[in-house]
Amino acid sequence: TDAARGGASSSLKGHSRAMLRPMRGGVDDGSAELVVIREGSRLPVLRRKITAAELERARAVFDEWDTFHDGLLDLQEFSRVLRLIGRSPKTTTAAAMFELADLDGSGSLDFAEF
């Protein structure tokens, strides 16, 4: 979701990776930091703090939508979600949306990409 990802951009697509990591600074309030790093670079192209409540809600939604219970969302699961939320884009549009979110090009969305 955009809440968990902070918004997708085609400039992030391709050779990037997304990761969730504990916030730095010594305070363990359960929040995390979403970091997207372009391959070959050490500098993040996206950073966003995610509160513990946002992270918990995003995880619950991800787990609910992960109908195959493999820790990944594939295009079939993603398309099903779009229909459940009242969106019925053309198959090609759904595939294009999915491809934008699939930062590492693996063909599935892990939780950090979600």
Protein backbone atom coordinates (compact mmCIF):
# COMPACT_ATOMS: atom_id res chain seq x y z
CA THR A 1 0.00 0.00 0.00
CA ASP A 2 1.06 3.59 -0.33
CA ALA A 3 0.96 3.85 3.46
CA ALA A 4 3.55 1.13 3.78
CA ARG A 5 5.55 2.10 0.76
CA GLY A 6 5.34 5.87 0.89
CA GLY A 7 4.27 6.07 -2.75
CA ALA A 8 5.72 4.28 -5.75
CA SER A 9 7.57 5.93 -8.54
CA SER A 10 8.69 4.54 -11.86
CA SER A 11 12.10 6.06 -11.08
CA LEU A 12 12.44 3.50 -8.28
CA LYS A 13 11.58 0.62 -10.60
CA GLY A 14 14.20 -1.70 -11.94
CA HIS A 15 17.33 -2.17 -9.99
CA SER A 16 16.27 -1.18 -6.49
CA ARG A 17 15.60 -2.99 -3.27
CA ALA A 18 13.28 -2.17 -0.41
CA MET A 19 13.89 -3.02 3.21
CA LEU A 20 12.30 -2.39 6.56
CA ARG A 21 14.66 -1.81 9.45
CA PRO A 22 14.30 -0.69 13.05
CA MET A 23 14.52 3.04 13.57
CA ARG A 24 17.89 4.29 14.68
CA GLY A 25 18.35 6.53 17.68
CA GLY A 26 18.01 4.21 20.63
CA VAL A 27 14.26 4.59 21.19
CA ASP A 28 12.49 1.29 20.61
CA ASP A 29 8.90 2.38 20.05
CA GLY A 30 8.22 -0.37 17.51
CA SER A 31 8.50 1.98 14.55
CA ALA A 32 10.49 1.10 11.48
CA GLU A 33 12.11 2.83 8.57
CA LEU A 34 11.33 1.93 4.98
CA VAL A 35 14.43 2.39 2.85
CA VAL A 36 14.67 1.96 -0.92
CA ILE A 37 18.19 1.79 -2.33
CA ARG A 38 19.07 1.81 -6.01
CA GLU A 39 21.39 -1.05 -6.96
CA GLY A 40 25.02 0.08 -7.06
CA SER A 41 24.39 3.01 -4.73
CA ARG A 42 24.79 3.37 -1.00
CA LEU A 43 22.41 6.34 -0.83
CA PRO A 44 18.70 5.73 -0.36
CA VAL A 45 16.29 7.11 -2.94
CA LEU A 46 13.38 6.87 -0.50
CA ARG A 47 13.22 6.90 3.30
CA ARG A 48 10.07 6.98 5.37
CA LYS A 49 9.35 6.40 9.04
CA ILE A 50 6.53 3.97 9.67
CA THR A 51 4.96 3.96 13.11
CA ALA A 52 4.40 0.73 14.99
CA ALA A 53 0.63 1.07 14.46
CA GLU A 54 1.05 1.61 10.69
CA LEU A 55 3.43 -1.33 10.47
CA GLU A 56 1.08 -3.59 12.42
CA ARG A 57 -1.92 -2.63 10.25
CA ALA A 58 0.06 -3.02 7.01
CA ARG A 59 1.28 -6.47 8.13
CA ALA A 60 -2.26 -7.57 8.97
CA VAL A 61 -3.54 -6.42 5.56
CA PHE A 62 -0.60 -8.03 3.75
CA ASP A 63 -1.14 -11.33 5.57
CA GLU A 64 -4.88 -11.23 4.80
CA TRP A 65 -4.24 -10.65 1.10
CA ASP A 66 -1.47 -13.28 0.94
CA THR A 67 -3.91 -16.08 0.14
CA PHE A 68 -1.13 -18.55 -0.71
CA HIS A 69 0.50 -17.87 2.72
CA ASP A 70 3.98 -17.74 1.19
CA GLY A 71 4.96 -14.27 2.41
CA LEU A 72 4.58 -12.84 -1.10
CA LEU A 73 1.84 -11.32 -3.22
CA ASP A 74 1.78 -12.42 -6.83
CA LEU A 75 -0.15 -10.78 -9.66
CA GLN A 76 -3.15 -13.05 -9.10
CA GLU A 77 -3.42 -12.04 -5.42
CA PHE A 78 -2.81 -8.38 -6.29
CA SER A 79 -5.55 -8.42 -8.95
CA ARG A 80 -7.95 -10.06 -6.49
CA VAL A 81 -7.26 -7.28 -3.98
CA LEU A 82 -8.02 -4.63 -6.59
CA ARG A 83 -11.39 -6.26 -7.24
CA LEU A 84 -12.11 -6.52 -3.49
CA ILE A 85 -11.55 -2.79 -3.00
CA GLY A 86 -13.87 -1.95 -5.86
CA ARG A 87 -11.30 -1.37 -8.58
CA SER A 88 -11.52 -3.36 -11.76
CA PRO A 89 -8.71 -2.14 -13.98
CA LYS A 90 -7.94 -3.88 -17.24
CA THR A 91 -5.58 -6.80 -16.87
CA THR A 92 -2.80 -4.82 -18.51
CA THR A 93 -3.34 -1.90 -16.13
CA ALA A 94 -3.26 -4.18 -13.08
CA ALA A 95 -0.07 -5.78 -14.39
CA ALA A 96 1.52 -2.35 -14.93
CA MET A 97 0.58 -1.28 -11.39
CA PHE A 98 2.01 -4.52 -10.02
CA GLU A 99 5.22 -4.08 -12.00
CA LEU A 100 5.72 -0.58 -10.57
CA ALA A 101 5.44 -1.93 -7.03
CA ASP A 102 7.74 -4.90 -7.74
CA LEU A 103 10.96 -2.94 -7.14
CA ASP A 104 13.32 -5.90 -7.42
CA GLY A 105 11.63 -7.37 -10.50
CA SER A 106 11.08 -10.73 -8.81
CA GLY A 107 7.51 -11.15 -10.05
CA SER A 108 6.09 -10.93 -6.55
CA LEU A 109 5.73 -8.33 -3.81
CA ASP A 110 7.34 -8.93 -0.46
CA PHE A 111 6.17 -7.03 2.61
CA ALA A 112 8.66 -4.17 2.18
CA GLU A 113 7.55 -3.62 -1.44
CA PHE A 114 3.91 -3.75 -0.35
